[in-house]
Amino acid sequence: MTVQLDADQYFDKVIEHFFSELRKKYSIAVDETGSTYLGLTINWEYNKGYVEISVSDNVPKALAKFNHKLPPCPQHPQHPPHHLWTQPVYGQKNAVWS
């Protein structure tokens, strides 16, 4: 007698066993969409060929957790952010590297 296991069905059983063992000792949350991981918010854009990763929810939570008080005076950068980095122009000759 030959038994052929469906790979996806077998993998699902292995994953479910793994999670059931973890649940015996820990309180866990499983995100099957893959949109969160270790506090990161992940937006998978498969069709466009990129992924967005953000931590926007973590900053307010961390500030509250550590009881961070705002400084008495605003602390602004000396230069606008667009001066911190210059967009490269690809294919352009650069005198320094010529």
C-alpha atoms as a PDB file:
ATOM      1  CA  MET A   1       0.000   0.000   0.000  1.00  0.00           C
ATOM      2  CA  THR A   2       1.307   3.449  -0.931  1.00  0.00           C
ATOM      3  CA  VAL A   3       0.228   6.613   0.861  1.00  0.00           C
ATOM      4  CA  GLN A   4       0.910   9.952  -0.763  1.00  0.00           C
ATOM      5  CA  LEU A   5       0.743  12.918   1.559  1.00  0.00           C
ATOM      6  CA  ASP A   6      -0.284  16.301   0.262  1.00  0.00           C
ATOM      7  CA  ALA A   7       2.651  18.602   1.058  1.00  0.00           C
ATOM      8  CA  ASP A   8       0.449  21.536   2.097  1.00  0.00           C
ATOM      9  CA  GLN A   9      -1.694  19.345   4.326  1.00  0.00           C
ATOM     10  CA  TYR A  10       1.436  17.845   5.940  1.00  0.00           C
ATOM     11  CA  PHE A  11       2.991  21.292   6.432  1.00  0.00           C
ATOM     12  CA  ASP A  12      -0.240  22.594   8.003  1.00  0.00           C
ATOM     13  CA  LYS A  13      -0.188  19.691  10.483  1.00  0.00           C
ATOM     14  CA  VAL A  14       3.440  20.379  11.401  1.00  0.00           C
ATOM     15  CA  ILE A  15       2.744  24.094  11.936  1.00  0.00           C
ATOM     16  CA  GLU A  16      -0.367  23.382  14.002  1.00  0.00           C
ATOM     17  CA  HIS A  17       1.588  20.928  16.162  1.00  0.00           C
ATOM     18  CA  PHE A  18       4.332  23.532  16.634  1.00  0.00           C
ATOM     19  CA  PHE A  19       1.800  26.158  17.745  1.00  0.00           C
ATOM     20  CA  SER A  20      -0.027  23.741  20.024  1.00  0.00           C
ATOM     21  CA  GLU A  21       3.246  22.917  21.783  1.00  0.00           C
ATOM     22  CA  LEU A  22       4.030  26.614  22.207  1.00  0.00           C
ATOM     23  CA  ARG A  23       0.540  27.274  23.605  1.00  0.00           C
ATOM     24  CA  LYS A  24       1.173  24.715  26.353  1.00  0.00           C
ATOM     25  CA  LYS A  25       3.767  27.013  27.933  1.00  0.00           C
ATOM     26  CA  TYR A  26       3.219  30.463  26.442  1.00  0.00           C
ATOM     27  CA  SER A  27       0.487  32.859  25.471  1.00  0.00           C
ATOM     28  CA  ILE A  28       1.008  33.401  21.739  1.00  0.00           C
ATOM     29  CA  ALA A  29      -0.700  35.268  18.913  1.00  0.00           C
ATOM     30  CA  VAL A  30      -0.405  34.026  15.341  1.00  0.00           C
ATOM     31  CA  ASP A  31      -0.762  36.409  12.404  1.00  0.00           C
ATOM     32  CA  GLU A  32      -1.367  34.221   9.371  1.00  0.00           C
ATOM     33  CA  THR A  33      -1.431  37.227   7.033  1.00  0.00           C
ATOM     34  CA  GLY A  34       2.200  38.091   7.766  1.00  0.00           C
ATOM     35  CA  SER A  35       1.299  41.730   8.418  1.00  0.00           C
ATOM     36  CA  THR A  36       2.925  41.977  11.858  1.00  0.00           C
ATOM     37  CA  TYR A  37       6.187  40.665  13.269  1.00  0.00           C
ATOM     38  CA  LEU A  38       7.839  41.623  16.560  1.00  0.00           C
ATOM     39  CA  GLY A  39       5.949  44.907  16.642  1.00  0.00           C
ATOM     40  CA  LEU A  40       6.676  45.781  13.026  1.00  0.00           C
ATOM     41  CA  THR A  41       3.801  46.470  10.645  1.00  0.00           C
ATOM     42  CA  ILE A  42       4.528  44.850   7.289  1.00  0.00           C
ATOM     43  CA  ASN A  43       2.704  45.731   4.070  1.00  0.00           C
ATOM     44  CA  TRP A  44       3.543  43.174   1.383  1.00  0.00           C
ATOM     45  CA  GLU A  45       3.237  44.629  -2.135  1.00  0.00           C
ATOM     46  CA  TYR A  46       3.989  41.504  -4.159  1.00  0.00           C
ATOM     47  CA  ASN A  47       2.634  42.852  -7.462  1.00  0.00           C
ATOM     48  CA  LYS A  48       4.640  46.055  -7.163  1.00  0.00           C
ATOM     49  CA  GLY A  49       7.813  44.282  -6.020  1.00  0.00           C
ATOM     50  CA  TYR A  50       8.395  45.864  -2.629  1.00  0.00           C
ATOM     51  CA  VAL A  51       7.503  45.653   1.044  1.00  0.00           C
ATOM     52  CA  GLU A  52       6.799  48.520   3.463  1.00  0.00           C
ATOM     53  CA  ILE A  53       7.887  48.073   7.068  1.00  0.00           C
ATOM     54  CA  SER A  54       6.852  50.576   9.713  1.00  0.00           C
ATOM     55  CA  VAL A  55       7.052  50.938  13.476  1.00  0.00           C
ATOM     56  CA  SER A  56       4.585  53.814  13.752  1.00  0.00           C
ATOM     57  CA  ASP A  57       2.510  52.111  16.461  1.00  0.00           C
ATOM     58  CA  ASN A  58       5.561  51.418  18.614  1.00  0.00           C
ATOM     59  CA  VAL A  59       6.733  54.987  19.185  1.00  0.00           C
ATOM     60  CA  PRO A  60       3.678  56.250  21.115  1.00  0.00           C
ATOM     61  CA  LYS A  61       3.542  52.991  23.099  1.00  0.00           C
ATOM     62  CA  ALA A  62       7.241  53.235  24.004  1.00  0.00           C
ATOM     63  CA  LEU A  63       6.892  56.894  25.021  1.00  0.00           C
ATOM     64  CA  ALA A  64       4.001  55.987  27.319  1.00  0.00           C
ATOM     65  CA  LYS A  65       5.739  52.876  28.690  1.00  0.00           C
ATOM     66  CA  PHE A  66       8.865  54.798  29.682  1.00  0.00           C
ATOM     67  CA  ASN A  67       6.852  57.821  30.879  1.00  0.00           C
ATOM     68  CA  HIS A  68       8.690  60.117  28.469  1.00  0.00           C
ATOM     69  CA  LYS A  69       7.902  63.792  28.920  1.00  0.00           C
ATOM     70  CA  LEU A  70       8.076  66.221  26.013  1.00  0.00           C
ATOM     71  CA  PRO A  71      10.991  68.682  26.242  1.00  0.00           C
ATOM     72  CA  PRO A  72      10.046  72.196  27.428  1.00  0.00           C
ATOM     73  CA  CYS A  73      11.122  73.704  24.084  1.00  0.00           C
ATOM     74  CA  PRO A  74      10.625  72.138  20.641  1.00  0.00           C
ATOM     75  CA  GLN A  75      13.770  70.539  19.271  1.00  0.00           C
ATOM     76  CA  HIS A  76      13.825  71.044  15.510  1.00  0.00           C
ATOM     77  CA  PRO A  77      16.641  70.062  13.143  1.00  0.00           C
ATOM     78  CA  GLN A  78      18.900  72.879  11.936  1.00  0.00           C
ATOM     79  CA  HIS A  79      18.114  72.108   8.287  1.00  0.00           C
ATOM     80  CA  PRO A  80      14.979  70.875   6.561  1.00  0.00           C
ATOM     81  CA  PRO A  81      15.092  67.103   5.934  1.00  0.00           C
ATOM     82  CA  HIS A  82      15.511  67.536   2.163  1.00  0.00           C
ATOM     83  CA  HIS A  83      18.981  69.012   2.803  1.00  0.00           C
ATOM     84  CA  LEU A  84      20.158  65.909   4.642  1.00  0.00           C
ATOM     85  CA  TRP A  85      20.206  63.724   1.530  1.00  0.00           C
ATOM     86  CA  THR A  86      20.507  64.439  -2.168  1.00  0.00           C
ATOM     87  CA  GLN A  87      18.722  62.195  -4.661  1.00  0.00           C
ATOM     88  CA  PRO A  88      21.374  60.660  -6.946  1.00  0.00           C
ATOM     89  CA  VAL A  89      21.113  61.227 -10.690  1.00  0.00           C
ATOM     90  CA  TYR A  90      22.116  57.905 -12.209  1.00  0.00           C
ATOM     91  CA  GLY A  91      24.241  57.960 -15.360  1.00  0.00           C
ATOM     92  CA  GLN A  92      25.512  61.465 -14.661  1.00  0.00           C
ATOM     93  CA  LYS A  93      29.290  61.995 -14.833  1.00  0.00           C
ATOM     94  CA  ASN A  94      30.794  63.008 -11.523  1.00  0.00           C
ATOM     95  CA  ALA A  95      34.019  65.001 -11.584  1.00  0.00           C
ATOM     96  CA  VAL A  96      35.199  63.378  -8.368  1.00  0.00           C
ATOM     97  CA  TRP A  97      34.954  59.830  -9.762  1.00  0.00           C
ATOM     98  CA  SER A  98      35.990  60.553 -13.376  1.00  0.00           C
END
